[in-house]
Amino acid sequence: MCVAATGLVVEVMGREALVDFNGNQVRAKAGLVQVQPGDHVLVHAGCILQKISQQEMQEIREMEALFE
């Protein structure tokens, strides 16, 4: 099973982005999707897969909370 995490883009540095996952900031590859600071994204295996809306991010986090 593949799991992607939701995060918020803090900074973009070329083909990498600094993504915040609830206070934990991690660098992720941004070559597949053009992102900018403030974008909500799905990240899997260190790669940003897609941008998502704030509402989608909220819905995903609510589903994640069910499995905690």
PDB file of N, CA and C in Angstrom:
ATOM      1  N   MET A   1       0.838  -1.166   0.000  1.00  0.00           N
ATOM      2  CA  MET A   1       0.000   0.000   0.000  1.00  0.00           C
ATOM      3  C   MET A   1       0.888   1.235   0.000  1.00  0.00           C
ATOM      4  N   CYS A   2       0.561   2.200  -0.813  1.00  0.00           N
ATOM      5  CA  CYS A   2       1.304   3.455  -0.872  1.00  0.00           C
ATOM      6  C   CYS A   2       0.548   4.516  -0.087  1.00  0.00           C
ATOM      7  N   VAL A   3       1.287   5.290   0.680  1.00  0.00           N
ATOM      8  CA  VAL A   3       0.680   6.344   1.474  1.00  0.00           C
ATOM      9  C   VAL A   3       1.361   7.662   1.142  1.00  0.00           C
ATOM     10  N   ALA A   4       0.561   8.672   0.846  1.00  0.00           N
ATOM     11  CA  ALA A   4       1.084  10.012   0.598  1.00  0.00           C
ATOM     12  C   ALA A   4       0.695  10.884   1.780  1.00  0.00           C
ATOM     13  N   ALA A   5       1.572  11.816   2.136  1.00  0.00           N
ATOM     14  CA  ALA A   5       1.321  12.718   3.253  1.00  0.00           C
ATOM     15  C   ALA A   5       0.990  14.106   2.726  1.00  0.00           C
ATOM     16  N   THR A   6       0.137  14.811   3.462  1.00  0.00           N
ATOM     17  CA  THR A   6      -0.220  16.173   3.091  1.00  0.00           C
ATOM     18  C   THR A   6       0.730  17.142   3.760  1.00  0.00           C
ATOM     19  N   GLY A   7       1.080  18.201   3.038  1.00  0.00           N
ATOM     20  CA  GLY A   7       1.966  19.209   3.601  1.00  0.00           C
ATOM     21  C   GLY A   7       1.757  20.561   2.949  1.00  0.00           C
ATOM     22  N   LEU A   8       2.447  21.553   3.491  1.00  0.00           N
ATOM     23  CA  LEU A   8       2.359  22.928   3.004  1.00  0.00           C
ATOM     24  C   LEU A   8       3.738  23.363   2.524  1.00  0.00           C
ATOM     25  N   VAL A   9       3.811  23.845   1.294  1.00  0.00           N
ATOM     26  CA  VAL A   9       5.086  24.304   0.742  1.00  0.00           C
ATOM     27  C   VAL A   9       5.484  25.613   1.434  1.00  0.00           C
ATOM     28  N   VAL A  10       6.695  25.615   2.004  1.00  0.00           N
ATOM     29  CA  VAL A  10       7.214  26.783   2.711  1.00  0.00           C
ATOM     30  C   VAL A  10       8.133  27.590   1.798  1.00  0.00           C
ATOM     31  N   GLU A  11       8.959  26.872   1.045  1.00  0.00           N
ATOM     32  CA  GLU A  11       9.970  27.531   0.215  1.00  0.00           C
ATOM     33  C   GLU A  11      10.258  26.648  -0.994  1.00  0.00           C
ATOM     34  N   VAL A  12      10.575  27.277  -2.130  1.00  0.00           N
ATOM     35  CA  VAL A  12      10.941  26.532  -3.333  1.00  0.00           C
ATOM     36  C   VAL A  12      12.362  26.921  -3.708  1.00  0.00           C
ATOM     37  N   MET A  13      13.209  25.887  -3.942  1.00  0.00           N
ATOM     38  CA  MET A  13      14.598  26.089  -4.315  1.00  0.00           C
ATOM     39  C   MET A  13      14.871  25.267  -5.563  1.00  0.00           C
ATOM     40  N   GLY A  14      14.630  25.849  -6.717  1.00  0.00           N
ATOM     41  CA  GLY A  14      14.825  25.120  -7.967  1.00  0.00           C
ATOM     42  C   GLY A  14      13.826  23.988  -8.088  1.00  0.00           C
ATOM     43  N   ARG A  15      14.339  22.749  -8.153  1.00  0.00           N
ATOM     44  CA  ARG A  15      13.468  21.571  -8.277  1.00  0.00           C
ATOM     45  C   ARG A  15      13.193  20.894  -6.934  1.00  0.00           C
ATOM     46  N   GLU A  16      13.504  21.594  -5.858  1.00  0.00           N
ATOM     47  CA  GLU A  16      13.199  21.089  -4.534  1.00  0.00           C
ATOM     48  C   GLU A  16      12.328  22.095  -3.802  1.00  0.00           C
ATOM     49  N   ALA A  17      11.557  21.587  -2.851  1.00  0.00           N
ATOM     50  CA  ALA A  17      10.725  22.457  -2.027  1.00  0.00           C
ATOM     51  C   ALA A  17      10.856  22.036  -0.572  1.00  0.00           C
ATOM     52  N   LEU A  18      10.776  23.009   0.305  1.00  0.00           N
ATOM     53  CA  LEU A  18      10.723  22.741   1.723  1.00  0.00           C
ATOM     54  C   LEU A  18       9.245  22.635   2.077  1.00  0.00           C
ATOM     55  N   VAL A  19       8.838  21.460   2.564  1.00  0.00           N
ATOM     56  CA  VAL A  19       7.429  21.190   2.849  1.00  0.00           C
ATOM     57  C   VAL A  19       7.253  20.981   4.351  1.00  0.00           C
ATOM     58  N   ASP A  20       6.248  21.645   4.914  1.00  0.00           N
ATOM     59  CA  ASP A  20       5.947  21.538   6.333  1.00  0.00           C
ATOM     60  C   ASP A  20       4.855  20.500   6.556  1.00  0.00           C
ATOM     61  N   PHE A  21       5.169  19.489   7.364  1.00  0.00           N
ATOM     62  CA  PHE A  21       4.216  18.450   7.753  1.00  0.00           C
ATOM     63  C   PHE A  21       3.931  18.632   9.242  1.00  0.00           C
ATOM     64  N   ASN A  22       2.971  19.478   9.562  1.00  0.00           N
ATOM     65  CA  ASN A  22       2.608  19.732  10.970  1.00  0.00           C
ATOM     66  C   ASN A  22       3.816  20.094  11.830  1.00  0.00           C
ATOM     67  N   GLY A  23       4.649  21.002  11.353  1.00  0.00           N
ATOM     68  CA  GLY A  23       5.804  21.458  12.118  1.00  0.00           C
ATOM     69  C   GLY A  23       7.104  20.766  11.774  1.00  0.00           C
ATOM     70  N   ASN A  24       7.063  19.647  11.089  1.00  0.00           N
ATOM     71  CA  ASN A  24       8.264  18.931  10.661  1.00  0.00           C
ATOM     72  C   ASN A  24       8.556  19.322   9.215  1.00  0.00           C
ATOM     73  N   GLN A  25       9.640  20.059   8.982  1.00  0.00           N
ATOM     74  CA  GLN A  25       9.953  20.527   7.638  1.00  0.00           C
ATOM     75  C   GLN A  25      10.946  19.604   6.941  1.00  0.00           C
ATOM     76  N   VAL A  26      10.585  19.210   5.719  1.00  0.00           N
ATOM     77  CA  VAL A  26      11.364  18.233   4.953  1.00  0.00           C
ATOM     78  C   VAL A  26      11.515  18.733   3.519  1.00  0.00           C
ATOM     79  N   ARG A  27      12.669  18.456   2.924  1.00  0.00           N
ATOM     80  CA  ARG A  27      12.867  18.777   1.501  1.00  0.00           C
ATOM     81  C   ARG A  27      12.235  17.679   0.655  1.00  0.00           C
ATOM     82  N   ALA A  28      11.549  18.097  -0.410  1.00  0.00           N
ATOM     83  CA  ALA A  28      10.909  17.147  -1.321  1.00  0.00           C
ATOM     84  C   ALA A  28      11.192  17.568  -2.755  1.00  0.00           C
ATOM     85  N   LYS A  29      11.283  16.592  -3.642  1.00  0.00           N
ATOM     86  CA  LYS A  29      11.491  16.867  -5.062  1.00  0.00           C
ATOM     87  C   LYS A  29      10.231  17.500  -5.642  1.00  0.00           C
ATOM     88  N   ALA A  30      10.408  18.599  -6.357  1.00  0.00           N
ATOM     89  CA  ALA A  30       9.269  19.322  -6.916  1.00  0.00           C
ATOM     90  C   ALA A  30       9.308  19.329  -8.443  1.00  0.00           C
ATOM     91  N   GLY A  31      10.037  18.422  -9.051  1.00  0.00           N
ATOM     92  CA  GLY A  31      10.187  18.414 -10.501  1.00  0.00           C
ATOM     93  C   GLY A  31       8.950  17.974 -11.266  1.00  0.00           C
ATOM     94  N   LEU A  32       8.049  17.214 -10.627  1.00  0.00           N
ATOM     95  CA  LEU A  32       6.857  16.726 -11.324  1.00  0.00           C
ATOM     96  C   LEU A  32       5.739  17.755 -11.370  1.00  0.00           C
ATOM     97  N   VAL A  33       5.712  18.648 -10.380  1.00  0.00           N
ATOM     98  CA  VAL A  33       4.628  19.611 -10.232  1.00  0.00           C
ATOM     99  C   VAL A  33       5.222  20.979  -9.931  1.00  0.00           C
ATOM    100  N   GLN A  34       4.715  22.014 -10.589  1.00  0.00           N
ATOM    101  CA  GLN A  34       5.173  23.367 -10.274  1.00  0.00           C
ATOM    102  C   GLN A  34       4.449  23.844  -9.034  1.00  0.00           C
ATOM    103  N   VAL A  35       5.222  24.188  -8.001  1.00  0.00           N
ATOM    104  CA  VAL A  35       4.635  24.624  -6.742  1.00  0.00           C
ATOM    105  C   VAL A  35       5.228  25.964  -6.335  1.00  0.00           C
ATOM    106  N   GLN A  36       4.523  26.603  -5.420  1.00  0.00           N
ATOM    107  CA  GLN A  36       5.018  27.854  -4.854  1.00  0.00           C
ATOM    108  C   GLN A  36       4.675  27.874  -3.370  1.00  0.00           C
ATOM    109  N   PRO A  37       5.344  28.715  -2.585  1.00  0.00           N
ATOM    110  CA  PRO A  37       5.045  28.780  -1.167  1.00  0.00           C
ATOM    111  C   PRO A  37       3.549  29.017  -0.939  1.00  0.00           C
ATOM    112  N   GLY A  38       3.003  28.268   0.026  1.00  0.00           N
ATOM    113  CA  GLY A  38       1.586  28.371   0.345  1.00  0.00           C
ATOM    114  C   GLY A  38       0.735  27.286  -0.288  1.00  0.00           C
ATOM    115  N   ASP A  39       1.302  26.545  -1.253  1.00  0.00           N
ATOM    116  CA  ASP A  39       0.555  25.452  -1.892  1.00  0.00           C
ATOM    117  C   ASP A  39       0.433  24.266  -0.944  1.00  0.00           C
ATOM    118  N   HIS A  40      -0.732  23.639  -0.944  1.00  0.00           N
ATOM    119  CA  HIS A  40      -0.958  22.390  -0.220  1.00  0.00           C
ATOM    120  C   HIS A  40      -0.634  21.263  -1.196  1.00  0.00           C
ATOM    121  N   VAL A  41       0.114  20.261  -0.729  1.00  0.00           N
ATOM    122  CA  VAL A  41       0.587  19.214  -1.627  1.00  0.00           C
ATOM    123  C   VAL A  41       0.473  17.828  -0.994  1.00  0.00           C
ATOM    124  N   LEU A  42       0.501  16.815  -1.871  1.00  0.00           N
ATOM    125  CA  LEU A  42       0.624  15.417  -1.460  1.00  0.00           C
ATOM    126  C   LEU A  42       2.045  14.983  -1.789  1.00  0.00           C
ATOM    127  N   VAL A  43       2.716  14.367  -0.819  1.00  0.00           N
ATOM    128  CA  VAL A  43       4.105  13.943  -0.997  1.00  0.00           C
ATOM    129  C   VAL A  43       4.207  12.450  -0.698  1.00  0.00           C
ATOM    130  N   HIS A  44       4.884  11.737  -1.585  1.00  0.00           N
ATOM    131  CA  HIS A  44       5.150  10.312  -1.376  1.00  0.00           C
ATOM    132  C   HIS A  44       6.588  10.029  -1.758  1.00  0.00           C
ATOM    133  N   ALA A  45       7.292   9.318  -0.896  1.00  0.00           N
ATOM    134  CA  ALA A  45       8.678   8.906  -1.145  1.00  0.00           C
ATOM    135  C   ALA A  45       9.576  10.086  -1.528  1.00  0.00           C
ATOM    136  N   GLY A  46       9.329  11.237  -0.883  1.00  0.00           N
ATOM    137  CA  GLY A  46      10.178  12.400  -1.118  1.00  0.00           C
ATOM    138  C   GLY A  46       9.870  13.174  -2.373  1.00  0.00           C
ATOM    139  N   CYS A  47       8.776  12.851  -3.063  1.00  0.00           N
ATOM    140  CA  CYS A  47       8.394  13.557  -4.287  1.00  0.00           C
ATOM    141  C   CYS A  47       7.001  14.155  -4.142  1.00  0.00           C
ATOM    142  N   ILE A  48       6.857  15.398  -4.575  1.00  0.00           N
ATOM    143  CA  ILE A  48       5.540  16.026  -4.578  1.00  0.00           C
ATOM    144  C   ILE A  48       4.774  15.451  -5.760  1.00  0.00           C
ATOM    145  N   LEU A  49       3.633  14.813  -5.464  1.00  0.00           N
ATOM    146  CA  LEU A  49       2.830  14.171  -6.507  1.00  0.00           C
ATOM    147  C   LEU A  49       1.813  15.107  -7.137  1.00  0.00           C
ATOM    148  N   GLN A  50       1.200  15.968  -6.291  1.00  0.00           N
ATOM    149  CA  GLN A  50       0.193  16.879  -6.823  1.00  0.00           C
ATOM    150  C   GLN A  50      -0.129  17.962  -5.816  1.00  0.00           C
ATOM    151  N   LYS A  51      -0.676  19.056  -6.339  1.00  0.00           N
ATOM    152  CA  LYS A  51      -1.198  20.113  -5.481  1.00  0.00           C
ATOM    153  C   LYS A  51      -2.638  19.750  -5.144  1.00  0.00           C
ATOM    154  N   ILE A  52      -3.080  20.132  -3.946  1.00  0.00           N
ATOM    155  CA  ILE A  52      -4.452  19.887  -3.541  1.00  0.00           C
ATOM    156  C   ILE A  52      -5.005  21.173  -2.922  1.00  0.00           C
ATOM    157  N   SER A  53      -6.319  21.263  -2.850  1.00  0.00           N
ATOM    158  CA  SER A  53      -6.946  22.438  -2.245  1.00  0.00           C
ATOM    159  C   SER A  53      -6.853  22.338  -0.727  1.00  0.00           C
ATOM    160  N   GLN A  54      -7.081  23.455  -0.057  1.00  0.00           N
ATOM    161  CA  GLN A  54      -7.071  23.456   1.402  1.00  0.00           C
ATOM    162  C   GLN A  54      -8.175  22.543   1.931  1.00  0.00           C
ATOM    163  N   GLN A  55      -9.318  22.532   1.264  1.00  0.00           N
ATOM    164  CA  GLN A  55     -10.428  21.670   1.679  1.00  0.00           C
ATOM    165  C   GLN A  55     -10.048  20.195   1.552  1.00  0.00           C
ATOM    166  N   GLU A  56      -9.396  19.824   0.434  1.00  0.00           N
ATOM    167  CA  GLU A  56      -8.957  18.436   0.258  1.00  0.00           C
ATOM    168  C   GLU A  56      -7.960  18.040   1.346  1.00  0.00           C
ATOM    169  N   MET A  57      -7.068  18.972   1.688  1.00  0.00           N
ATOM    170  CA  MET A  57      -6.074  18.688   2.715  1.00  0.00           C
ATOM    171  C   MET A  57      -6.770  18.447   4.051  1.00  0.00           C
ATOM    172  N   GLN A  58      -7.756  19.259   4.362  1.00  0.00           N
ATOM    173  CA  GLN A  58      -8.501  19.101   5.604  1.00  0.00           C
ATOM    174  C   GLN A  58      -9.220  17.750   5.646  1.00  0.00           C
ATOM    175  N   GLU A  59      -9.852  17.371   4.538  1.00  0.00           N
ATOM    176  CA  GLU A  59     -10.577  16.104   4.465  1.00  0.00           C
ATOM    177  C   GLU A  59      -9.628  14.916   4.647  1.00  0.00           C
ATOM    178  N   ILE A  60      -8.458  14.983   4.027  1.00  0.00           N
ATOM    179  CA  ILE A  60      -7.475  13.904   4.143  1.00  0.00           C
ATOM    180  C   ILE A  60      -6.997  13.783   5.580  1.00  0.00           C
ATOM    181  N   ARG A  61      -6.726  14.917   6.216  1.00  0.00           N
ATOM    182  CA  ARG A  61      -6.252  14.876   7.607  1.00  0.00           C
ATOM    183  C   ARG A  61      -7.328  14.329   8.546  1.00  0.00           C
ATOM    184  N   GLU A  62      -8.590  14.616   8.253  1.00  0.00           N
ATOM    185  CA  GLU A  62      -9.672  14.066   9.059  1.00  0.00           C
ATOM    186  C   GLU A  62      -9.727  12.541   8.921  1.00  0.00           C
ATOM    187  N   MET A  63      -9.509  12.037   7.688  1.00  0.00           N
ATOM    188  CA  MET A  63      -9.478  10.595   7.476  1.00  0.00           C
ATOM    189  C   MET A  63      -8.271   9.964   8.171  1.00  0.00           C
ATOM    190  N   GLU A  64      -7.126  10.636   8.117  1.00  0.00           N
ATOM    191  CA  GLU A  64      -5.919  10.129   8.778  1.00  0.00           C
ATOM    192  C   GLU A  64      -6.136   9.999  10.290  1.00  0.00           C
ATOM    193  N   ALA A  65      -6.877  10.933  10.858  1.00  0.00           N
ATOM    194  CA  ALA A  65      -7.132  10.927  12.293  1.00  0.00           C
ATOM    195  C   ALA A  65      -7.930   9.696  12.719  1.00  0.00           C
ATOM    196  N   LEU A  66      -8.708   9.143  11.809  1.00  0.00           N
ATOM    197  CA  LEU A  66      -9.480   7.946  12.118  1.00  0.00           C
ATOM    198  C   LEU A  66      -8.597   6.732  12.379  1.00  0.00           C
ATOM    199  N   PHE A  67      -7.374   6.751  11.830  1.00  0.00           N
ATOM    200  CA  PHE A  67      -6.466   5.609  11.942  1.00  0.00           C
ATOM    201  C   PHE A  67      -5.409   5.795  13.017  1.00  0.00           C
ATOM    202  N   GLU A  68      -5.482   6.882  13.761  1.00  0.00           N
ATOM    203  CA  GLU A  68      -4.492   7.125  14.823  1.00  0.00           C
ATOM    204  C   GLU A  68      -4.832   6.351  16.065  1.00  0.00           C
TER     205      GLU A  68
END
